[in-house]
Amino acid sequence: MEQREELFSDQALKTMIIPLVLEQLLVMLVGLADTLVVSHVGEAAVSGVSLVNQFNTIFIYLFTALASGGAVITILCFREQNGVVYRGRWIFCWDGSMMLRILKIAVPNGMENGIFQLVKVALSSIVALFGTYQIAANGVAQSIWSLVALAGVAMGPVFITVIGQCMGSRDVDAADFYFMKLTKITLLISTVWNVFIFLLTPLFMRAYALGPETKQLVIWLVLIHNIFNAAVFPFSGALSNGLRAAGDVKFTMYVSIASTIAGCLFLSCVLGIVFDMGVIGIAVAMVCDWIIRAIIFYLRQRSGRWKTFQVI
């Protein structure tokens, strides 16, 4: 236990978490500012901006996937004791097969993110069927959702760094320990942040030039999202990054793609269109996707199957 605490002390974790949270906060405030400014032009303008923004994020996530692959490999190399890091000295660990190793991580991540973004575009097409006020409400809610997702998104790189270094040094027990510790930290931060943002949502609505019906729908959408983002997303999002850092990338890819298509896209069509629930149905379908992935990834982590992979 003492060695694990020395590997990543509370202060070391705090040093990683705080800058990542602040960085994500700045990035996500941009999306909130977009819809806030455009709302004064009218609900139709908010609807248009929210639909177009879905296309912009596709390319961002695709390039991020390659960066994630490189990050996992670099972190694993950093902890490797065989000629990479020895007694505090950094030795560059690149060799002829390193690009293949990066692609081994990056390609599944890219496919997973690509499918996810295509599904988001498909969902935008479904939302476009529901009328201007629902499209506007969904656009504003999504900008707030992005802000709310800060905790889970920021903790993803922390899982990659910590679990990756533990596995790189072949300290599986430490990886197990930090899986539990980081999950608890993520749940705590996520719960506090989600409650805080929901309490601020009525104040946000005062700044938006939207109709009363649209504002009320936004609050309902944020409520549904925040409850499950606090309780479920730490397992479906942040924890899954720890599995990827351990080399369990194909399993997470298959589960994420299947859950996104079946749990999110299919249920959105059923609840949103067939049962005429509109954007509320899409929000429910989205959290169902999180629940499916959270259960599977948690069971996967508890099973210990991720301990058998060797990336480098």
C-alpha atoms as a PDB file:
ATOM      1  CA  MET A   1       0.000   0.000   0.000  1.00  0.00           C
ATOM      2  CA  GLU A   2       2.832   2.365   0.845  1.00  0.00           C
ATOM      3  CA  GLN A   3       4.513   1.845  -2.535  1.00  0.00           C
ATOM      4  CA  ARG A   4       1.268   2.569  -4.337  1.00  0.00           C
ATOM      5  CA  GLU A   5       0.805   5.809  -2.470  1.00  0.00           C
ATOM      6  CA  GLU A   6       4.366   6.812  -3.385  1.00  0.00           C
ATOM      7  CA  LEU A   7       3.759   5.953  -7.044  1.00  0.00           C
ATOM      8  CA  PHE A   8       0.919   8.489  -7.271  1.00  0.00           C
ATOM      9  CA  SER A   9       0.399  10.507  -4.117  1.00  0.00           C
ATOM     10  CA  ASP A  10      -2.742  12.533  -3.543  1.00  0.00           C
ATOM     11  CA  GLN A  11      -0.759  15.642  -4.415  1.00  0.00           C
ATOM     12  CA  ALA A  12       0.436  14.088  -7.676  1.00  0.00           C
ATOM     13  CA  LEU A  13      -3.140  13.186  -8.639  1.00  0.00           C
ATOM     14  CA  LYS A  14      -4.304  16.687  -7.740  1.00  0.00           C
ATOM     15  CA  THR A  15      -1.550  18.148  -9.924  1.00  0.00           C
ATOM     16  CA  MET A  16      -2.887  16.156 -12.878  1.00  0.00           C
ATOM     17  CA  ILE A  17      -6.619  16.605 -12.266  1.00  0.00           C
ATOM     18  CA  ILE A  18      -6.863  20.374 -11.659  1.00  0.00           C
ATOM     19  CA  PRO A  19      -5.225  21.536 -14.942  1.00  0.00           C
ATOM     20  CA  LEU A  20      -7.259  19.003 -16.947  1.00  0.00           C
ATOM     21  CA  VAL A  21     -10.501  20.188 -15.358  1.00  0.00           C
ATOM     22  CA  LEU A  22      -9.658  23.845 -16.022  1.00  0.00           C
ATOM     23  CA  GLU A  23      -8.700  23.072 -19.625  1.00  0.00           C
ATOM     24  CA  GLN A  24     -11.955  21.215 -20.266  1.00  0.00           C
ATOM     25  CA  LEU A  25     -13.901  24.016 -18.590  1.00  0.00           C
ATOM     26  CA  LEU A  26     -12.483  26.600 -20.995  1.00  0.00           C
ATOM     27  CA  VAL A  27     -13.145  24.392 -24.031  1.00  0.00           C
ATOM     28  CA  MET A  28     -16.726  23.635 -23.044  1.00  0.00           C
ATOM     29  CA  LEU A  29     -17.588  27.221 -22.133  1.00  0.00           C
ATOM     30  CA  VAL A  30     -17.092  28.066 -25.818  1.00  0.00           C
ATOM     31  CA  GLY A  31     -20.022  25.861 -26.810  1.00  0.00           C
ATOM     32  CA  LEU A  32     -22.193  27.411 -24.123  1.00  0.00           C
ATOM     33  CA  ALA A  33     -21.265  30.911 -25.301  1.00  0.00           C
ATOM     34  CA  ASP A  34     -22.174  30.038 -28.911  1.00  0.00           C
ATOM     35  CA  THR A  35     -25.765  29.090 -28.135  1.00  0.00           C
ATOM     36  CA  LEU A  36     -26.115  31.930 -25.612  1.00  0.00           C
ATOM     37  CA  VAL A  37     -25.160  34.596 -28.160  1.00  0.00           C
ATOM     38  CA  VAL A  38     -27.167  33.067 -31.011  1.00  0.00           C
ATOM     39  CA  SER A  39     -30.277  32.670 -28.825  1.00  0.00           C
ATOM     40  CA  HIS A  40     -30.878  36.434 -29.086  1.00  0.00           C
ATOM     41  CA  VAL A  41     -31.339  36.027 -32.833  1.00  0.00           C
ATOM     42  CA  GLY A  42     -34.125  33.503 -32.332  1.00  0.00           C
ATOM     43  CA  GLU A  43     -34.870  29.839 -31.705  1.00  0.00           C
ATOM     44  CA  ALA A  44     -34.456  29.022 -35.400  1.00  0.00           C
ATOM     45  CA  ALA A  45     -30.858  30.286 -35.270  1.00  0.00           C
ATOM     46  CA  VAL A  46     -30.120  28.173 -32.181  1.00  0.00           C
ATOM     47  CA  SER A  47     -31.574  25.165 -33.982  1.00  0.00           C
ATOM     48  CA  GLY A  48     -29.328  25.712 -36.998  1.00  0.00           C
ATOM     49  CA  VAL A  49     -26.138  26.223 -34.985  1.00  0.00           C
ATOM     50  CA  SER A  50     -26.770  23.160 -32.821  1.00  0.00           C
ATOM     51  CA  LEU A  51     -27.257  20.931 -35.863  1.00  0.00           C
ATOM     52  CA  VAL A  52     -24.172  22.198 -37.711  1.00  0.00           C
ATOM     53  CA  ASN A  53     -21.910  21.872 -34.650  1.00  0.00           C
ATOM     54  CA  GLN A  54     -22.393  18.090 -34.706  1.00  0.00           C
ATOM     55  CA  PHE A  55     -20.440  17.883 -37.972  1.00  0.00           C
ATOM     56  CA  ASN A  56     -17.555  19.989 -36.671  1.00  0.00           C
ATOM     57  CA  THR A  57     -16.785  17.609 -33.805  1.00  0.00           C
ATOM     58  CA  ILE A  58     -16.413  14.530 -36.047  1.00  0.00           C
ATOM     59  CA  PHE A  59     -12.959  15.535 -37.297  1.00  0.00           C
ATOM     60  CA  ILE A  60     -11.824  16.647 -33.845  1.00  0.00           C
ATOM     61  CA  TYR A  61     -12.542  13.212 -32.383  1.00  0.00           C
ATOM     62  CA  LEU A  62     -10.944  11.354 -35.280  1.00  0.00           C
ATOM     63  CA  PHE A  63      -7.631  13.200 -34.857  1.00  0.00           C
ATOM     64  CA  THR A  64      -7.877  12.883 -31.083  1.00  0.00           C
ATOM     65  CA  ALA A  65      -7.989   9.096 -31.490  1.00  0.00           C
ATOM     66  CA  LEU A  66      -4.479   9.008 -32.986  1.00  0.00           C
ATOM     67  CA  ALA A  67      -3.211  11.266 -30.211  1.00  0.00           C
ATOM     68  CA  SER A  68      -4.750   8.911 -27.620  1.00  0.00           C
ATOM     69  CA  GLY A  69      -2.927   5.950 -29.148  1.00  0.00           C
ATOM     70  CA  GLY A  70       0.379   7.782 -28.945  1.00  0.00           C
ATOM     71  CA  ALA A  71      -0.342   8.844 -25.371  1.00  0.00           C
ATOM     72  CA  VAL A  72      -1.031   5.285 -24.211  1.00  0.00           C
ATOM     73  CA  ILE A  73       2.158   3.935 -25.813  1.00  0.00           C
ATOM     74  CA  THR A  74       4.292   6.800 -24.468  1.00  0.00           C
ATOM     75  CA  ILE A  75       2.959   6.346 -20.933  1.00  0.00           C
ATOM     76  CA  LEU A  76       3.565   2.606 -21.046  1.00  0.00           C
ATOM     77  CA  CYS A  77       7.114   3.227 -22.265  1.00  0.00           C
ATOM     78  CA  PHE A  78       7.696   5.791 -19.540  1.00  0.00           C
ATOM     79  CA  ARG A  79       7.174   3.191 -16.834  1.00  0.00           C
ATOM     80  CA  GLU A  80       8.967   0.376 -18.657  1.00  0.00           C
ATOM     81  CA  GLN A  81      12.148  -0.503 -16.741  1.00  0.00           C
ATOM     82  CA  ASN A  82      13.935  -2.323 -19.554  1.00  0.00           C
ATOM     83  CA  GLY A  83      15.981   0.499 -21.093  1.00  0.00           C
ATOM     84  CA  VAL A  84      13.260   3.145 -21.063  1.00  0.00           C
ATOM     85  CA  VAL A  85      13.274   4.680 -17.605  1.00  0.00           C
ATOM     86  CA  TYR A  86      15.944   3.579 -15.179  1.00  0.00           C
ATOM     87  CA  ARG A  87      16.814   5.408 -11.968  1.00  0.00           C
ATOM     88  CA  GLY A  88      15.051   8.563 -13.102  1.00  0.00           C
ATOM     89  CA  ARG A  89      16.666   8.778 -16.577  1.00  0.00           C
ATOM     90  CA  TRP A  90      14.431   9.174 -19.659  1.00  0.00           C
ATOM     91  CA  ILE A  91      15.486   7.155 -22.707  1.00  0.00           C
ATOM     92  CA  PHE A  92      13.482   7.569 -25.915  1.00  0.00           C
ATOM     93  CA  CYS A  93      11.741   4.240 -26.574  1.00  0.00           C
ATOM     94  CA  TRP A  94      10.907   4.560 -30.278  1.00  0.00           C
ATOM     95  CA  ASP A  95      11.738   1.620 -32.567  1.00  0.00           C
ATOM     96  CA  GLY A  96      10.596   0.386 -35.968  1.00  0.00           C
ATOM     97  CA  SER A  97       7.451  -1.256 -34.627  1.00  0.00           C
ATOM     98  CA  MET A  98       6.297   1.669 -32.495  1.00  0.00           C
ATOM     99  CA  MET A  99       3.966   3.072 -35.153  1.00  0.00           C
ATOM    100  CA  LEU A 100       2.220  -0.301 -35.387  1.00  0.00           C
ATOM    101  CA  ARG A 101       1.776  -0.280 -31.624  1.00  0.00           C
ATOM    102  CA  ILE A 102       0.310   3.222 -31.719  1.00  0.00           C
ATOM    103  CA  LEU A 103      -2.070   2.220 -34.500  1.00  0.00           C
ATOM    104  CA  LYS A 104      -3.077  -0.836 -32.480  1.00  0.00           C
ATOM    105  CA  ILE A 105      -4.508   1.583 -29.922  1.00  0.00           C
ATOM    106  CA  ALA A 106      -5.466   4.436 -32.238  1.00  0.00           C
ATOM    107  CA  VAL A 107      -7.407   2.496 -34.892  1.00  0.00           C
ATOM    108  CA  PRO A 108      -9.966   1.017 -32.450  1.00  0.00           C
ATOM    109  CA  ASN A 109     -10.280   4.434 -30.773  1.00  0.00           C
ATOM    110  CA  GLY A 110     -10.748   6.064 -34.165  1.00  0.00           C
ATOM    111  CA  MET A 111     -13.402   3.570 -35.240  1.00  0.00           C
ATOM    112  CA  GLU A 112     -15.213   3.938 -31.928  1.00  0.00           C
ATOM    113  CA  ASN A 113     -15.165   7.738 -32.031  1.00  0.00           C
ATOM    114  CA  GLY A 114     -16.032   7.794 -35.728  1.00  0.00           C
ATOM    115  CA  ILE A 115     -19.111   5.624 -35.222  1.00  0.00           C
ATOM    116  CA  PHE A 116     -20.089   7.689 -32.204  1.00  0.00           C
ATOM    117  CA  GLN A 117     -19.917  10.923 -34.178  1.00  0.00           C
ATOM    118  CA  LEU A 118     -21.834   9.451 -37.127  1.00  0.00           C
ATOM    119  CA  VAL A 119     -24.542   8.358 -34.699  1.00  0.00           C
ATOM    120  CA  LYS A 120     -24.615  11.910 -33.295  1.00  0.00           C
ATOM    121  CA  VAL A 121     -25.175  13.217 -36.821  1.00  0.00           C
ATOM    122  CA  ALA A 122     -27.968  10.661 -37.281  1.00  0.00           C
ATOM    123  CA  LEU A 123     -29.506  11.792 -33.996  1.00  0.00           C
ATOM    124  CA  SER A 124     -29.352  15.388 -35.186  1.00  0.00           C
ATOM    125  CA  SER A 125     -31.355  14.317 -38.227  1.00  0.00           C
ATOM    126  CA  ILE A 126     -33.914  12.709 -35.920  1.00  0.00           C
ATOM    127  CA  VAL A 127     -34.074  15.829 -33.724  1.00  0.00           C
ATOM    128  CA  ALA A 128     -34.736  17.897 -36.862  1.00  0.00           C
ATOM    129  CA  LEU A 129     -38.095  16.097 -37.153  1.00  0.00           C
ATOM    130  CA  PHE A 130     -39.408  17.430 -33.857  1.00  0.00           C
ATOM    131  CA  GLY A 131     -39.946  21.127 -34.586  1.00  0.00           C
ATOM    132  CA  THR A 132     -38.092  24.349 -33.911  1.00  0.00           C
ATOM    133  CA  TYR A 133     -38.632  24.679 -30.164  1.00  0.00           C
ATOM    134  CA  GLN A 134     -37.502  21.108 -29.463  1.00  0.00           C
ATOM    135  CA  ILE A 135     -34.456  21.524 -31.704  1.00  0.00           C
ATOM    136  CA  ALA A 136     -33.581  24.772 -29.909  1.00  0.00           C
ATOM    137  CA  ALA A 137     -34.088  23.172 -26.483  1.00  0.00           C
ATOM    138  CA  ASN A 138     -31.918  20.227 -27.464  1.00  0.00           C
ATOM    139  CA  GLY A 139     -29.185  22.571 -28.760  1.00  0.00           C
ATOM    140  CA  VAL A 140     -29.095  24.607 -25.542  1.00  0.00           C
ATOM    141  CA  ALA A 141     -29.267  21.451 -23.413  1.00  0.00           C
ATOM    142  CA  GLN A 142     -26.360  19.938 -25.356  1.00  0.00           C
ATOM    143  CA  SER A 143     -24.202  22.980 -24.697  1.00  0.00           C
ATOM    144  CA  ILE A 144     -24.964  22.612 -20.975  1.00  0.00           C
ATOM    145  CA  TRP A 145     -24.390  18.839 -21.195  1.00  0.00           C
ATOM    146  CA  SER A 146     -20.926  19.506 -22.613  1.00  0.00           C
ATOM    147  CA  LEU A 147     -20.178  21.666 -19.594  1.00  0.00           C
ATOM    148  CA  VAL A 148     -21.568  19.016 -17.262  1.00  0.00           C
ATOM    149  CA  ALA A 149     -19.462  16.258 -18.865  1.00  0.00           C
ATOM    150  CA  LEU A 150     -16.342  18.115 -17.729  1.00  0.00           C
ATOM    151  CA  ALA A 151     -15.632  15.811 -14.768  1.00  0.00           C
ATOM    152  CA  GLY A 152     -15.859  12.537 -16.664  1.00  0.00           C
ATOM    153  CA  VAL A 153     -13.973  13.844 -19.709  1.00  0.00           C
ATOM    154  CA  ALA A 154     -11.175  15.421 -17.651  1.00  0.00           C
ATOM    155  CA  MET A 155     -10.656  12.232 -15.630  1.00  0.00           C
ATOM    156  CA  GLY A 156     -10.205  10.139 -18.781  1.00  0.00           C
ATOM    157  CA  PRO A 157      -6.552  11.228 -19.341  1.00  0.00           C
ATOM    158  CA  VAL A 158      -5.879  10.705 -15.620  1.00  0.00           C
ATOM    159  CA  PHE A 159      -6.981   7.065 -15.929  1.00  0.00           C
ATOM    160  CA  ILE A 160      -4.800   6.676 -19.032  1.00  0.00           C
ATOM    161  CA  THR A 161      -1.756   8.172 -17.297  1.00  0.00           C
ATOM    162  CA  VAL A 162      -2.036   6.336 -13.984  1.00  0.00           C
ATOM    163  CA  ILE A 163      -3.204   2.918 -15.185  1.00  0.00           C
ATOM    164  CA  GLY A 164      -0.838   3.087 -18.160  1.00  0.00           C
ATOM    165  CA  GLN A 165       2.196   3.729 -15.968  1.00  0.00           C
ATOM    166  CA  CYS A 166       1.173   1.006 -13.520  1.00  0.00           C
ATOM    167  CA  MET A 167       0.812  -1.527 -16.346  1.00  0.00           C
ATOM    168  CA  GLY A 168       4.007  -0.320 -18.022  1.00  0.00           C
ATOM    169  CA  SER A 169       5.917  -1.177 -14.850  1.00  0.00           C
ATOM    170  CA  ARG A 170       3.985  -4.470 -14.641  1.00  0.00           C
ATOM    171  CA  ASP A 171       2.517  -3.483 -11.273  1.00  0.00           C
ATOM    172  CA  VAL A 172      -0.930  -5.004 -11.732  1.00  0.00           C
ATOM    173  CA  ASP A 173      -1.819  -4.692  -8.052  1.00  0.00           C
ATOM    174  CA  ALA A 174      -1.167  -0.955  -8.187  1.00  0.00           C
ATOM    175  CA  ALA A 175      -3.338  -0.700 -11.327  1.00  0.00           C
ATOM    176  CA  ASP A 176      -6.150  -2.471  -9.474  1.00  0.00           C
ATOM    177  CA  PHE A 177      -5.771  -0.110  -6.530  1.00  0.00           C
ATOM    178  CA  TYR A 178      -5.839   3.024  -8.690  1.00  0.00           C
ATOM    179  CA  PHE A 179      -8.788   1.787 -10.725  1.00  0.00           C
ATOM    180  CA  MET A 180     -10.821   1.851  -7.507  1.00  0.00           C
ATOM    181  CA  LYS A 181      -9.327   5.097  -6.195  1.00  0.00           C
ATOM    182  CA  LEU A 182      -9.759   7.042  -9.433  1.00  0.00           C
ATOM    183  CA  THR A 183     -13.315   5.755  -9.878  1.00  0.00           C
ATOM    184  CA  LYS A 184     -14.228   7.041  -6.408  1.00  0.00           C
ATOM    185  CA  ILE A 185     -12.615  10.415  -7.159  1.00  0.00           C
ATOM    186  CA  THR A 186     -14.470  10.629 -10.483  1.00  0.00           C
ATOM    187  CA  LEU A 187     -17.809   9.807  -8.844  1.00  0.00           C
ATOM    188  CA  LEU A 188     -17.242  12.457  -6.169  1.00  0.00           C
ATOM    189  CA  ILE A 189     -16.190  15.217  -8.593  1.00  0.00           C
ATOM    190  CA  SER A 190     -18.905  14.295 -11.076  1.00  0.00           C
ATOM    191  CA  THR A 191     -21.679  14.300  -8.463  1.00  0.00           C
ATOM    192  CA  VAL A 192     -20.699  17.668  -7.007  1.00  0.00           C
ATOM    193  CA  TRP A 193     -20.256  19.215 -10.469  1.00  0.00           C
ATOM    194  CA  ASN A 194     -23.558  17.879 -11.842  1.00  0.00           C
ATOM    195  CA  VAL A 195     -25.541  19.143  -8.856  1.00  0.00           C
ATOM    196  CA  PHE A 196     -23.817  22.530  -9.085  1.00  0.00           C
ATOM    197  CA  ILE A 197     -24.547  22.960 -12.805  1.00  0.00           C
ATOM    198  CA  PHE A 198     -28.175  21.888 -12.431  1.00  0.00           C
ATOM    199  CA  LEU A 199     -28.693  24.468  -9.692  1.00  0.00           C
ATOM    200  CA  LEU A 200     -27.251  27.089 -12.051  1.00  0.00           C
ATOM    201  CA  THR A 201     -29.408  26.015 -15.014  1.00  0.00           C
ATOM    202  CA  PRO A 202     -32.396  28.245 -14.125  1.00  0.00           C
ATOM    203  CA  LEU A 203     -29.969  31.184 -13.980  1.00  0.00           C
ATOM    204  CA  PHE A 204     -28.561  30.213 -17.385  1.00  0.00           C
ATOM    205  CA  MET A 205     -32.098  30.211 -18.791  1.00  0.00           C
ATOM    206  CA  ARG A 206     -32.590  33.845 -17.789  1.00  0.00           C
ATOM    207  CA  ALA A 207     -29.753  34.812 -20.133  1.00  0.00           C
ATOM    208  CA  TYR A 208     -31.273  32.958 -23.098  1.00  0.00           C
ATOM    209  CA  ALA A 209     -33.837  34.706 -25.286  1.00  0.00           C
ATOM    210  CA  LEU A 210     -36.076  31.641 -25.575  1.00  0.00           C
ATOM    211  CA  GLY A 211     -39.761  30.945 -25.033  1.00  0.00           C
ATOM    212  CA  PRO A 212     -41.029  29.577 -21.685  1.00  0.00           C
ATOM    213  CA  GLU A 213     -41.854  26.180 -23.199  1.00  0.00           C
ATOM    214  CA  THR A 214     -38.327  25.854 -24.606  1.00  0.00           C
ATOM    215  CA  LYS A 215     -36.715  26.837 -21.305  1.00  0.00           C
ATOM    216  CA  GLN A 216     -38.809  24.330 -19.372  1.00  0.00           C
ATOM    217  CA  LEU A 217     -37.846  21.566 -21.799  1.00  0.00           C
ATOM    218  CA  VAL A 218     -34.159  22.483 -21.406  1.00  0.00           C
ATOM    219  CA  ILE A 219     -34.395  22.102 -17.620  1.00  0.00           C
ATOM    220  CA  TRP A 220     -35.994  18.645 -17.970  1.00  0.00           C
ATOM    221  CA  LEU A 221     -33.305  17.558 -20.419  1.00  0.00           C
ATOM    222  CA  VAL A 222     -30.532  18.789 -18.131  1.00  0.00           C
ATOM    223  CA  LEU A 223     -32.101  17.018 -15.138  1.00  0.00           C
ATOM    224  CA  ILE A 224     -32.259  13.665 -16.946  1.00  0.00           C
ATOM    225  CA  HIS A 225     -28.719  14.065 -18.211  1.00  0.00           C
ATOM    226  CA  ASN A 226     -27.165  15.211 -14.932  1.00  0.00           C
ATOM    227  CA  ILE A 227     -28.572  12.405 -12.796  1.00  0.00           C
ATOM    228  CA  PHE A 228     -27.046   9.713 -14.982  1.00  0.00           C
ATOM    229  CA  ASN A 229     -23.923  11.667 -15.841  1.00  0.00           C
ATOM    230  CA  ALA A 230     -23.097  11.773 -12.141  1.00  0.00           C
ATOM    231  CA  ALA A 231     -23.934   8.144 -11.332  1.00  0.00           C
ATOM    232  CA  VAL A 232     -23.189   6.232 -14.545  1.00  0.00           C
ATOM    233  CA  PHE A 233     -20.831   8.128 -16.873  1.00  0.00           C
ATOM    234  CA  PRO A 234     -17.770   7.706 -14.591  1.00  0.00           C
ATOM    235  CA  PHE A 235     -18.006   3.971 -15.376  1.00  0.00           C
ATOM    236  CA  SER A 236     -18.985   4.164 -19.050  1.00  0.00           C
ATOM    237  CA  GLY A 237     -16.519   6.953 -19.849  1.00  0.00           C
ATOM    238  CA  ALA A 238     -13.562   7.535 -17.525  1.00  0.00           C
ATOM    239  CA  LEU A 239     -13.155   3.934 -16.327  1.00  0.00           C
ATOM    240  CA  SER A 240     -13.155   2.649 -19.910  1.00  0.00           C
ATOM    241  CA  ASN A 241     -10.067   4.783 -20.572  1.00  0.00           C
ATOM    242  CA  GLY A 242      -8.281   2.815 -17.891  1.00  0.00           C
ATOM    243  CA  LEU A 243      -9.137  -0.418 -19.716  1.00  0.00           C
ATOM    244  CA  ARG A 244      -7.775   1.066 -22.952  1.00  0.00           C
ATOM    245  CA  ALA A 245      -4.563   2.104 -21.195  1.00  0.00           C
ATOM    246  CA  ALA A 246      -4.144  -1.502 -20.075  1.00  0.00           C
ATOM    247  CA  GLY A 247      -4.388  -2.622 -23.730  1.00  0.00           C
ATOM    248  CA  ASP A 248      -8.010  -3.834 -23.614  1.00  0.00           C
ATOM    249  CA  VAL A 249      -8.912  -1.703 -26.639  1.00  0.00           C
ATOM    250  CA  LYS A 250     -10.771  -4.171 -28.866  1.00  0.00           C
ATOM    251  CA  PHE A 251     -13.244  -5.151 -26.162  1.00  0.00           C
ATOM    252  CA  THR A 252     -14.024  -1.521 -25.305  1.00  0.00           C
ATOM    253  CA  MET A 253     -14.386  -0.742 -29.020  1.00  0.00           C
ATOM    254  CA  TYR A 254     -16.835  -3.587 -29.693  1.00  0.00           C
ATOM    255  CA  VAL A 255     -18.932  -2.782 -26.628  1.00  0.00           C
ATOM    256  CA  SER A 256     -18.992   0.959 -27.307  1.00  0.00           C
ATOM    257  CA  ILE A 257     -19.972   0.582 -30.965  1.00  0.00           C
ATOM    258  CA  ALA A 258     -22.676  -2.006 -30.252  1.00  0.00           C
ATOM    259  CA  SER A 259     -24.067   0.020 -27.347  1.00  0.00           C
ATOM    260  CA  THR A 260     -24.015   3.269 -29.316  1.00  0.00           C
ATOM    261  CA  ILE A 261     -25.908   1.762 -32.249  1.00  0.00           C
ATOM    262  CA  ALA A 262     -28.331  -0.472 -30.348  1.00  0.00           C
ATOM    263  CA  GLY A 263     -28.689   1.470 -27.131  1.00  0.00           C
ATOM    264  CA  CYS A 264     -28.539   5.031 -28.404  1.00  0.00           C
ATOM    265  CA  LEU A 265     -29.531   5.145 -32.084  1.00  0.00           C
ATOM    266  CA  PHE A 266     -32.141   2.379 -32.085  1.00  0.00           C
ATOM    267  CA  LEU A 267     -33.750   3.467 -28.810  1.00  0.00           C
ATOM    268  CA  SER A 268     -33.779   7.084 -29.994  1.00  0.00           C
ATOM    269  CA  CYS A 269     -35.837   6.066 -33.013  1.00  0.00           C
ATOM    270  CA  VAL A 270     -38.183   3.971 -30.877  1.00  0.00           C
ATOM    271  CA  LEU A 271     -38.659   6.429 -28.012  1.00  0.00           C
ATOM    272  CA  GLY A 272     -38.337   9.668 -29.944  1.00  0.00           C
ATOM    273  CA  ILE A 273     -40.357   8.810 -33.059  1.00  0.00           C
ATOM    274  CA  VAL A 274     -42.465   5.693 -32.399  1.00  0.00           C
ATOM    275  CA  PHE A 275     -43.492   6.657 -28.868  1.00  0.00           C
ATOM    276  CA  ASP A 276     -43.522  10.361 -29.780  1.00  0.00           C
ATOM    277  CA  MET A 277     -41.331  11.382 -26.822  1.00  0.00           C
ATOM    278  CA  GLY A 278     -39.293  13.803 -28.940  1.00  0.00           C
ATOM    279  CA  VAL A 279     -35.966  14.994 -27.578  1.00  0.00           C
ATOM    280  CA  ILE A 280     -36.846  13.579 -24.141  1.00  0.00           C
ATOM    281  CA  GLY A 281     -36.834  10.138 -25.767  1.00  0.00           C
ATOM    282  CA  ILE A 282     -33.394  10.794 -27.243  1.00  0.00           C
ATOM    283  CA  ALA A 283     -32.057  11.874 -23.840  1.00  0.00           C
ATOM    284  CA  VAL A 284     -33.423   8.680 -22.268  1.00  0.00           C
ATOM    285  CA  ALA A 285     -31.862   6.594 -25.055  1.00  0.00           C
ATOM    286  CA  MET A 286     -28.512   8.282 -24.467  1.00  0.00           C
ATOM    287  CA  VAL A 287     -28.476   7.466 -20.759  1.00  0.00           C
ATOM    288  CA  CYS A 288     -29.512   3.880 -21.564  1.00  0.00           C
ATOM    289  CA  ASP A 289     -26.381   3.680 -23.722  1.00  0.00           C
ATOM    290  CA  TRP A 290     -24.317   4.862 -20.744  1.00  0.00           C
ATOM    291  CA  ILE A 291     -25.948   2.323 -18.424  1.00  0.00           C
ATOM    292  CA  ILE A 292     -25.245  -0.584 -20.783  1.00  0.00           C
ATOM    293  CA  ARG A 293     -21.598   0.372 -21.180  1.00  0.00           C
ATOM    294  CA  ALA A 294     -21.164   1.169 -17.475  1.00  0.00           C
ATOM    295  CA  ILE A 295     -22.370  -2.286 -16.409  1.00  0.00           C
ATOM    296  CA  ILE A 296     -20.237  -4.118 -18.981  1.00  0.00           C
ATOM    297  CA  PHE A 297     -17.067  -2.083 -18.353  1.00  0.00           C
ATOM    298  CA  TYR A 298     -17.418  -2.381 -14.574  1.00  0.00           C
ATOM    299  CA  LEU A 299     -17.805  -6.157 -14.836  1.00  0.00           C
ATOM    300  CA  ARG A 300     -14.853  -6.269 -17.232  1.00  0.00           C
ATOM    301  CA  GLN A 301     -12.672  -4.361 -14.804  1.00  0.00           C
ATOM    302  CA  ARG A 302     -13.721  -6.564 -11.890  1.00  0.00           C
ATOM    303  CA  SER A 303     -13.057  -9.734 -13.917  1.00  0.00           C
ATOM    304  CA  GLY A 304      -9.366  -8.851 -14.305  1.00  0.00           C
ATOM    305  CA  ARG A 305      -9.253  -9.847 -17.981  1.00  0.00           C
ATOM    306  CA  TRP A 306      -7.514  -6.529 -18.773  1.00  0.00           C
ATOM    307  CA  LYS A 307      -4.492  -7.720 -16.770  1.00  0.00           C
ATOM    308  CA  THR A 308      -3.528 -10.225 -19.458  1.00  0.00           C
ATOM    309  CA  PHE A 309      -2.803  -7.708 -22.233  1.00  0.00           C
ATOM    310  CA  GLN A 310       0.673  -6.554 -23.202  1.00  0.00           C
ATOM    311  CA  VAL A 311       0.926  -3.539 -25.512  1.00  0.00           C
ATOM    312  CA  ILE A 312       4.717  -3.026 -25.430  1.00  0.00           C
END
